[in-house]
Amino acid sequence: MASARALLLIADIGGYTEYMSTHRMSLAHAEVNTARLLDRVVDAARGFDLVEIEGDAAFLSRRADGPGGGPLDATTRAVVAMHRAFHAERRHVAAVLCPCRGCAQAEALTLKFVAHVGEVATQTIRQRRKLVGIDVIQVHRMLKNPVDVPEYVLLSEELYRSGDGLPDDAHEIAQDLEGIGPVRSWFVDVGDLAGPPPELPAPPLRARLGRTAAVAGAGLPYMLGLRRRRPAVAA
């Protein structure tokens, strides 16, 4: 397998575990709403390829030397765009008229990011592309960290030192990653990059009714056991 240098980015929905419920309808609607949010997040990541949806997270990549600036610039632009898309869609999800936990508590969901740049190899298994290598493991291990900011982007040292443009108050943390060892990382509150989400008009009643019906219809396969929930991202 040939290897190449790649920029690796994971967008992870926070509060997902608490969001799930043992009630079948709530679980079904939580699955549908999470899928909608992840769809919007992935669509906003211009220049990145989706590697895999991993439960409550999207794993994306692009060439480290791809067009549109260096790895750090590409990361910050993608993070800002994905964060705004997430919050815009979350507003619509929270506006549905269904009272179940999967819909009523959607507004509490957050979005965090981890990013790294390193060498990866590509495998194709049953027509599905997978990235492998120690740097793929590292970016997933970075999800388990002590950052206590609800919405942040955590950058590996390799990525952090690849360019300029981050706020001056980026915070350094030390991590001891399983199978990798001690590493240094830096995190920034996404709000310091993106600013507050733009004010959006409240969806009209007709749109809320339409979305409520769409969620109910899309959730039926989960309620009937015809579809199973996606496995969560492995860290």
C-alpha atoms as a PDB file:
ATOM      1  CA  MET A   1       0.000   0.000   0.000  1.00  0.00           C
ATOM      2  CA  ALA A   2       1.369   3.387  -0.998  1.00  0.00           C
ATOM      3  CA  SER A   3       1.288   6.046   1.708  1.00  0.00           C
ATOM      4  CA  ALA A   4       0.696   9.775   1.406  1.00  0.00           C
ATOM      5  CA  ARG A   5       0.597  12.750   3.717  1.00  0.00           C
ATOM      6  CA  ALA A   6      -2.980  13.658   4.641  1.00  0.00           C
ATOM      7  CA  LEU A   7      -4.957  16.070   6.763  1.00  0.00           C
ATOM      8  CA  LEU A   8      -7.300  14.142   9.068  1.00  0.00           C
ATOM      9  CA  LEU A   9     -10.354  15.750  10.660  1.00  0.00           C
ATOM     10  CA  ILE A  10     -13.060  14.304  12.902  1.00  0.00           C
ATOM     11  CA  ALA A  11     -16.263  16.225  13.658  1.00  0.00           C
ATOM     12  CA  ASP A  12     -17.886  14.715  16.739  1.00  0.00           C
ATOM     13  CA  ILE A  13     -21.356  15.528  18.076  1.00  0.00           C
ATOM     14  CA  GLY A  14     -21.167  16.155  21.817  1.00  0.00           C
ATOM     15  CA  GLY A  15     -23.953  15.094  24.167  1.00  0.00           C
ATOM     16  CA  TYR A  16     -24.850  12.174  21.897  1.00  0.00           C
ATOM     17  CA  THR A  17     -24.822   9.517  24.624  1.00  0.00           C
ATOM     18  CA  GLU A  18     -27.083  11.555  26.909  1.00  0.00           C
ATOM     19  CA  TYR A  19     -29.274  12.357  23.895  1.00  0.00           C
ATOM     20  CA  MET A  20     -30.084   8.692  23.271  1.00  0.00           C
ATOM     21  CA  SER A  21     -32.969   7.153  25.153  1.00  0.00           C
ATOM     22  CA  THR A  22     -34.203   3.630  25.765  1.00  0.00           C
ATOM     23  CA  HIS A  23     -37.621   4.677  24.502  1.00  0.00           C
ATOM     24  CA  ARG A  24     -37.918   3.327  20.983  1.00  0.00           C
ATOM     25  CA  MET A  25     -39.434   6.436  19.393  1.00  0.00           C
ATOM     26  CA  SER A  26     -36.886   8.751  21.032  1.00  0.00           C
ATOM     27  CA  LEU A  27     -34.033   6.535  19.860  1.00  0.00           C
ATOM     28  CA  ALA A  28     -35.427   6.391  16.329  1.00  0.00           C
ATOM     29  CA  HIS A  29     -35.846  10.160  16.104  1.00  0.00           C
ATOM     30  CA  ALA A  30     -32.412  10.756  17.635  1.00  0.00           C
ATOM     31  CA  GLU A  31     -30.912   8.603  14.866  1.00  0.00           C
ATOM     32  CA  VAL A  32     -32.758  10.549  12.171  1.00  0.00           C
ATOM     33  CA  ASN A  33     -31.855  13.941  13.614  1.00  0.00           C
ATOM     34  CA  THR A  34     -28.200  13.002  14.108  1.00  0.00           C
ATOM     35  CA  ALA A  35     -28.015  11.809  10.511  1.00  0.00           C
ATOM     36  CA  ARG A  36     -29.438  15.155   9.319  1.00  0.00           C
ATOM     37  CA  LEU A  37     -26.893  17.070  11.367  1.00  0.00           C
ATOM     38  CA  LEU A  38     -23.974  14.985  10.129  1.00  0.00           C
ATOM     39  CA  ASP A  39     -25.149  15.350   6.518  1.00  0.00           C
ATOM     40  CA  ARG A  40     -25.034  19.132   6.804  1.00  0.00           C
ATOM     41  CA  VAL A  41     -21.669  19.047   8.547  1.00  0.00           C
ATOM     42  CA  VAL A  42     -20.093  16.868   5.843  1.00  0.00           C
ATOM     43  CA  ASP A  43     -21.585  18.978   3.038  1.00  0.00           C
ATOM     44  CA  ALA A  44     -19.986  22.083   4.566  1.00  0.00           C
ATOM     45  CA  ALA A  45     -16.470  20.571   4.598  1.00  0.00           C
ATOM     46  CA  ARG A  46     -15.449  21.756   1.123  1.00  0.00           C
ATOM     47  CA  GLY A  47     -12.323  20.067  -0.182  1.00  0.00           C
ATOM     48  CA  PHE A  48     -12.530  17.172   2.286  1.00  0.00           C
ATOM     49  CA  ASP A  49     -13.565  13.615   1.461  1.00  0.00           C
ATOM     50  CA  LEU A  50     -15.791  11.654   3.808  1.00  0.00           C
ATOM     51  CA  VAL A  51     -13.948   8.533   4.935  1.00  0.00           C
ATOM     52  CA  GLU A  52     -16.647   7.176   7.214  1.00  0.00           C
ATOM     53  CA  ILE A  53     -19.586   8.021   9.451  1.00  0.00           C
ATOM     54  CA  GLU A  54     -18.688   6.613  12.863  1.00  0.00           C
ATOM     55  CA  GLY A  55     -21.827   6.733  14.981  1.00  0.00           C
ATOM     56  CA  ASP A  56     -22.014  10.319  16.202  1.00  0.00           C
ATOM     57  CA  ALA A  57     -18.945  11.493  14.242  1.00  0.00           C
ATOM     58  CA  ALA A  58     -17.777  12.140  10.700  1.00  0.00           C
ATOM     59  CA  PHE A  59     -14.201  11.183   9.786  1.00  0.00           C
ATOM     60  CA  LEU A  60     -12.868  13.239   6.859  1.00  0.00           C
ATOM     61  CA  SER A  61      -9.575  13.682   5.059  1.00  0.00           C
ATOM     62  CA  ARG A  62      -7.847  15.578   2.272  1.00  0.00           C
ATOM     63  CA  ARG A  63      -4.364  15.768   0.855  1.00  0.00           C
ATOM     64  CA  ALA A  64      -2.069  17.734   3.120  1.00  0.00           C
ATOM     65  CA  ASP A  65      -0.833  19.700   0.109  1.00  0.00           C
ATOM     66  CA  GLY A  66      -4.298  20.135  -1.396  1.00  0.00           C
ATOM     67  CA  PRO A  67      -5.493  23.391  -2.984  1.00  0.00           C
ATOM     68  CA  GLY A  68      -6.673  26.336  -0.919  1.00  0.00           C
ATOM     69  CA  GLY A  69      -3.813  26.868   1.505  1.00  0.00           C
ATOM     70  CA  GLY A  70      -1.862  24.815   3.994  1.00  0.00           C
ATOM     71  CA  PRO A  71      -3.223  22.181   6.393  1.00  0.00           C
ATOM     72  CA  LEU A  72      -3.872  24.592   9.272  1.00  0.00           C
ATOM     73  CA  ASP A  73      -5.698  27.105   7.060  1.00  0.00           C
ATOM     74  CA  ALA A  74      -7.770  24.308   5.516  1.00  0.00           C
ATOM     75  CA  THR A  75      -8.653  22.988   8.961  1.00  0.00           C
ATOM     76  CA  THR A  76      -9.807  26.315  10.399  1.00  0.00           C
ATOM     77  CA  ARG A  77     -11.891  27.147   7.316  1.00  0.00           C
ATOM     78  CA  ALA A  78     -13.571  23.743   7.393  1.00  0.00           C
ATOM     79  CA  VAL A  79     -14.210  23.923  11.136  1.00  0.00           C
ATOM     80  CA  VAL A  80     -15.897  27.332  10.860  1.00  0.00           C
ATOM     81  CA  ALA A  81     -18.079  26.224   7.931  1.00  0.00           C
ATOM     82  CA  MET A  82     -19.043  22.933   9.583  1.00  0.00           C
ATOM     83  CA  HIS A  83     -19.819  24.612  12.897  1.00  0.00           C
ATOM     84  CA  ARG A  84     -22.137  27.137  11.242  1.00  0.00           C
ATOM     85  CA  ALA A  85     -23.884  24.432   9.203  1.00  0.00           C
ATOM     86  CA  PHE A  86     -24.386  22.324  12.328  1.00  0.00           C
ATOM     87  CA  HIS A  87     -25.972  25.151  14.291  1.00  0.00           C
ATOM     88  CA  ALA A  88     -28.218  26.177  11.409  1.00  0.00           C
ATOM     89  CA  GLU A  89     -29.507  22.614  11.025  1.00  0.00           C
ATOM     90  CA  ARG A  90     -29.771  22.123  14.797  1.00  0.00           C
ATOM     91  CA  ARG A  91     -32.153  25.063  14.916  1.00  0.00           C
ATOM     92  CA  HIS A  92     -34.426  23.355  12.378  1.00  0.00           C
ATOM     93  CA  VAL A  93     -34.188  20.004  14.172  1.00  0.00           C
ATOM     94  CA  ALA A  94     -35.117  21.608  17.495  1.00  0.00           C
ATOM     95  CA  ALA A  95     -38.126  23.352  15.893  1.00  0.00           C
ATOM     96  CA  VAL A  96     -40.043  20.158  15.116  1.00  0.00           C
ATOM     97  CA  LEU A  97     -43.252  19.645  17.063  1.00  0.00           C
ATOM     98  CA  CYS A  98     -42.493  16.126  18.298  1.00  0.00           C
ATOM     99  CA  PRO A  99     -42.244  16.003  22.140  1.00  0.00           C
ATOM    100  CA  CYS A 100     -39.951  12.951  22.383  1.00  0.00           C
ATOM    101  CA  ARG A 101     -36.469  13.324  23.922  1.00  0.00           C
ATOM    102  CA  GLY A 102     -34.807  12.670  20.578  1.00  0.00           C
ATOM    103  CA  CYS A 103     -36.375  15.866  19.219  1.00  0.00           C
ATOM    104  CA  ALA A 104     -36.953  18.008  22.312  1.00  0.00           C
ATOM    105  CA  GLN A 105     -33.330  17.800  23.499  1.00  0.00           C
ATOM    106  CA  ALA A 106     -31.639  18.276  20.125  1.00  0.00           C
ATOM    107  CA  GLU A 107     -30.879  21.885  20.990  1.00  0.00           C
ATOM    108  CA  ALA A 108     -28.424  20.716  23.677  1.00  0.00           C
ATOM    109  CA  LEU A 109     -26.149  18.971  21.157  1.00  0.00           C
ATOM    110  CA  THR A 110     -22.724  20.461  20.442  1.00  0.00           C
ATOM    111  CA  LEU A 111     -19.961  19.910  17.895  1.00  0.00           C
ATOM    112  CA  LYS A 112     -16.258  19.421  18.596  1.00  0.00           C
ATOM    113  CA  PHE A 113     -13.319  18.663  16.321  1.00  0.00           C
ATOM    114  CA  VAL A 114      -9.951  16.928  16.442  1.00  0.00           C
ATOM    115  CA  ALA A 115      -7.418  17.261  13.638  1.00  0.00           C
ATOM    116  CA  HIS A 116      -3.989  15.894  12.754  1.00  0.00           C
ATOM    117  CA  VAL A 117      -1.670  15.730   9.759  1.00  0.00           C
ATOM    118  CA  GLY A 118       0.434  12.662   8.992  1.00  0.00           C
ATOM    119  CA  GLU A 119       1.140   9.668   6.789  1.00  0.00           C
ATOM    120  CA  VAL A 120      -1.741   7.368   5.840  1.00  0.00           C
ATOM    121  CA  ALA A 121      -2.247   4.399   3.547  1.00  0.00           C
ATOM    122  CA  THR A 122      -5.446   3.520   1.722  1.00  0.00           C
ATOM    123  CA  GLN A 123      -7.185   0.151   1.724  1.00  0.00           C
ATOM    124  CA  THR A 124     -10.226  -0.775  -0.347  1.00  0.00           C
ATOM    125  CA  ILE A 125     -12.380  -3.487   1.198  1.00  0.00           C
ATOM    126  CA  ARG A 126     -15.580  -4.473  -0.611  1.00  0.00           C
ATOM    127  CA  GLN A 127     -15.502  -1.239  -2.599  1.00  0.00           C
ATOM    128  CA  ARG A 128     -15.157   0.867   0.566  1.00  0.00           C
ATOM    129  CA  ARG A 129     -12.104   3.051   1.029  1.00  0.00           C
ATOM    130  CA  LYS A 130     -10.456   2.992   4.437  1.00  0.00           C
ATOM    131  CA  LEU A 131      -7.468   4.913   5.764  1.00  0.00           C
ATOM    132  CA  VAL A 132      -4.955   3.062   7.912  1.00  0.00           C
ATOM    133  CA  GLY A 133      -1.773   3.899   9.775  1.00  0.00           C
ATOM    134  CA  ILE A 134      -0.545   5.153  13.123  1.00  0.00           C
ATOM    135  CA  ASP A 135      -1.650   8.718  12.331  1.00  0.00           C
ATOM    136  CA  VAL A 136      -5.227   7.520  11.757  1.00  0.00           C
ATOM    137  CA  ILE A 137      -5.095   5.885  15.177  1.00  0.00           C
ATOM    138  CA  GLN A 138      -3.684   9.062  16.711  1.00  0.00           C
ATOM    139  CA  VAL A 139      -6.453  11.358  15.506  1.00  0.00           C
ATOM    140  CA  HIS A 140      -9.067   8.961  16.907  1.00  0.00           C
ATOM    141  CA  ARG A 141      -7.229   8.636  20.221  1.00  0.00           C
ATOM    142  CA  MET A 142      -7.244  12.440  20.495  1.00  0.00           C
ATOM    143  CA  LEU A 143     -11.010  12.340  21.047  1.00  0.00           C
ATOM    144  CA  LYS A 144     -10.364  11.197  24.623  1.00  0.00           C
ATOM    145  CA  ASN A 145      -8.953  14.362  26.123  1.00  0.00           C
ATOM    146  CA  PRO A 146      -9.339  16.642  29.165  1.00  0.00           C
ATOM    147  CA  VAL A 147     -10.652  19.673  27.251  1.00  0.00           C
ATOM    148  CA  ASP A 148     -13.643  21.074  29.157  1.00  0.00           C
ATOM    149  CA  VAL A 149     -14.854  23.520  26.491  1.00  0.00           C
ATOM    150  CA  PRO A 150     -18.162  22.335  24.943  1.00  0.00           C
ATOM    151  CA  GLU A 151     -17.201  23.199  21.357  1.00  0.00           C
ATOM    152  CA  TYR A 152     -13.526  23.196  20.422  1.00  0.00           C
ATOM    153  CA  VAL A 153     -10.989  22.175  17.818  1.00  0.00           C
ATOM    154  CA  LEU A 154      -8.033  20.170  19.142  1.00  0.00           C
ATOM    155  CA  LEU A 155      -4.928  20.214  16.947  1.00  0.00           C
ATOM    156  CA  SER A 156      -1.977  17.867  17.070  1.00  0.00           C
ATOM    157  CA  GLU A 157       1.459  19.439  17.448  1.00  0.00           C
ATOM    158  CA  GLU A 158       2.307  18.570  13.828  1.00  0.00           C
ATOM    159  CA  LEU A 159      -0.749  20.431  12.583  1.00  0.00           C
ATOM    160  CA  TYR A 160      -0.505  23.320  15.052  1.00  0.00           C
ATOM    161  CA  ARG A 161       3.065  24.106  13.954  1.00  0.00           C
ATOM    162  CA  SER A 162       2.276  23.871  10.233  1.00  0.00           C
ATOM    163  CA  GLY A 163       0.994  27.445   9.895  1.00  0.00           C
ATOM    164  CA  ASP A 164      -0.233  30.647  11.500  1.00  0.00           C
ATOM    165  CA  GLY A 165      -3.592  32.291  11.970  1.00  0.00           C
ATOM    166  CA  LEU A 166      -4.912  30.781  15.217  1.00  0.00           C
ATOM    167  CA  PRO A 167      -6.001  33.047  18.075  1.00  0.00           C
ATOM    168  CA  ASP A 168      -3.237  33.925  20.523  1.00  0.00           C
ATOM    169  CA  ASP A 169      -5.040  32.157  23.359  1.00  0.00           C
ATOM    170  CA  ALA A 170      -4.700  28.630  21.968  1.00  0.00           C
ATOM    171  CA  HIS A 171      -4.260  26.336  24.959  1.00  0.00           C
ATOM    172  CA  GLU A 172      -1.665  23.586  25.144  1.00  0.00           C
ATOM    173  CA  ILE A 173      -2.508  20.239  26.734  1.00  0.00           C
ATOM    174  CA  ALA A 174      -0.529  17.047  27.214  1.00  0.00           C
ATOM    175  CA  GLN A 175      -2.032  13.687  26.321  1.00  0.00           C
ATOM    176  CA  ASP A 176      -0.772  10.163  26.835  1.00  0.00           C
ATOM    177  CA  LEU A 177      -2.394   8.299  23.958  1.00  0.00           C
ATOM    178  CA  GLU A 178      -2.861   4.569  24.233  1.00  0.00           C
ATOM    179  CA  GLY A 179      -0.455   2.763  21.926  1.00  0.00           C
ATOM    180  CA  ILE A 180       1.259   6.029  20.938  1.00  0.00           C
ATOM    181  CA  GLY A 181       2.575   7.647  24.099  1.00  0.00           C
ATOM    182  CA  PRO A 182       2.885  11.276  25.256  1.00  0.00           C
ATOM    183  CA  VAL A 183       1.895  13.939  22.734  1.00  0.00           C
ATOM    184  CA  ARG A 184       1.321  17.694  22.845  1.00  0.00           C
ATOM    185  CA  SER A 185      -1.850  19.252  21.450  1.00  0.00           C
ATOM    186  CA  TRP A 186      -3.460  22.688  21.294  1.00  0.00           C
ATOM    187  CA  PHE A 187      -7.142  23.545  21.469  1.00  0.00           C
ATOM    188  CA  VAL A 188      -9.177  26.610  20.579  1.00  0.00           C
ATOM    189  CA  ASP A 189     -12.785  27.377  21.420  1.00  0.00           C
ATOM    190  CA  VAL A 190     -14.647  27.160  18.111  1.00  0.00           C
ATOM    191  CA  GLY A 191     -16.477  30.339  19.051  1.00  0.00           C
ATOM    192  CA  ASP A 192     -13.156  32.198  18.944  1.00  0.00           C
ATOM    193  CA  LEU A 193     -12.726  31.080  15.328  1.00  0.00           C
ATOM    194  CA  ALA A 194     -16.276  31.268  14.050  1.00  0.00           C
ATOM    195  CA  GLY A 195     -17.862  33.927  16.229  1.00  0.00           C
ATOM    196  CA  PRO A 196     -21.463  33.508  17.412  1.00  0.00           C
ATOM    197  CA  PRO A 197     -23.802  31.645  15.028  1.00  0.00           C
ATOM    198  CA  PRO A 198     -25.767  34.070  12.828  1.00  0.00           C
ATOM    199  CA  GLU A 199     -29.296  34.901  13.867  1.00  0.00           C
ATOM    200  CA  LEU A 200     -31.821  32.967  11.786  1.00  0.00           C
ATOM    201  CA  PRO A 201     -35.566  33.556  11.494  1.00  0.00           C
ATOM    202  CA  ALA A 202     -37.790  31.063  13.270  1.00  0.00           C
ATOM    203  CA  PRO A 203     -39.095  28.400  10.838  1.00  0.00           C
ATOM    204  CA  PRO A 204     -42.753  29.006   9.920  1.00  0.00           C
ATOM    205  CA  LEU A 205     -45.406  26.617  11.245  1.00  0.00           C
ATOM    206  CA  ARG A 206     -45.839  24.934   7.873  1.00  0.00           C
ATOM    207  CA  ALA A 207     -42.138  24.118   7.692  1.00  0.00           C
ATOM    208  CA  ARG A 208     -42.182  22.816  11.271  1.00  0.00           C
ATOM    209  CA  LEU A 209     -45.114  20.548  10.473  1.00  0.00           C
ATOM    210  CA  GLY A 210     -43.356  19.263   7.357  1.00  0.00           C
ATOM    211  CA  ARG A 211     -40.157  18.502   9.233  1.00  0.00           C
ATOM    212  CA  THR A 212     -42.082  16.812  12.032  1.00  0.00           C
ATOM    213  CA  ALA A 213     -43.763  14.514   9.520  1.00  0.00           C
ATOM    214  CA  ALA A 214     -40.426  13.830   7.815  1.00  0.00           C
ATOM    215  CA  VAL A 215     -38.763  12.850  11.100  1.00  0.00           C
ATOM    216  CA  ALA A 216     -41.662  10.574  12.006  1.00  0.00           C
ATOM    217  CA  GLY A 217     -41.546   8.860   8.614  1.00  0.00           C
ATOM    218  CA  ALA A 218     -37.781   8.471   8.532  1.00  0.00           C
ATOM    219  CA  GLY A 219     -37.788   7.100  12.074  1.00  0.00           C
ATOM    220  CA  LEU A 220     -40.166   4.234  11.326  1.00  0.00           C
ATOM    221  CA  PRO A 221     -37.459   1.813  10.063  1.00  0.00           C
ATOM    222  CA  TYR A 222     -35.572   2.246  13.352  1.00  0.00           C
ATOM    223  CA  MET A 223     -38.726   1.774  15.427  1.00  0.00           C
ATOM    224  CA  LEU A 224     -39.643  -1.390  13.520  1.00  0.00           C
ATOM    225  CA  GLY A 225     -36.134  -2.812  13.811  1.00  0.00           C
ATOM    226  CA  LEU A 226     -35.518  -2.648  10.060  1.00  0.00           C
ATOM    227  CA  ARG A 227     -32.471  -0.434  10.574  1.00  0.00           C
ATOM    228  CA  ARG A 228     -29.932  -0.461  13.364  1.00  0.00           C
ATOM    229  CA  ARG A 229     -28.109   2.466  14.877  1.00  0.00           C
ATOM    230  CA  ARG A 230     -24.591   3.155  13.665  1.00  0.00           C
ATOM    231  CA  PRO A 231     -21.734   2.055  15.912  1.00  0.00           C
ATOM    232  CA  ALA A 232     -20.081   4.879  17.819  1.00  0.00           C
ATOM    233  CA  VAL A 233     -16.632   6.129  16.910  1.00  0.00           C
ATOM    234  CA  ALA A 234     -13.853   4.062  18.458  1.00  0.00           C
ATOM    235  CA  ALA A 235     -11.311   6.128  20.339  1.00  0.00           C
END
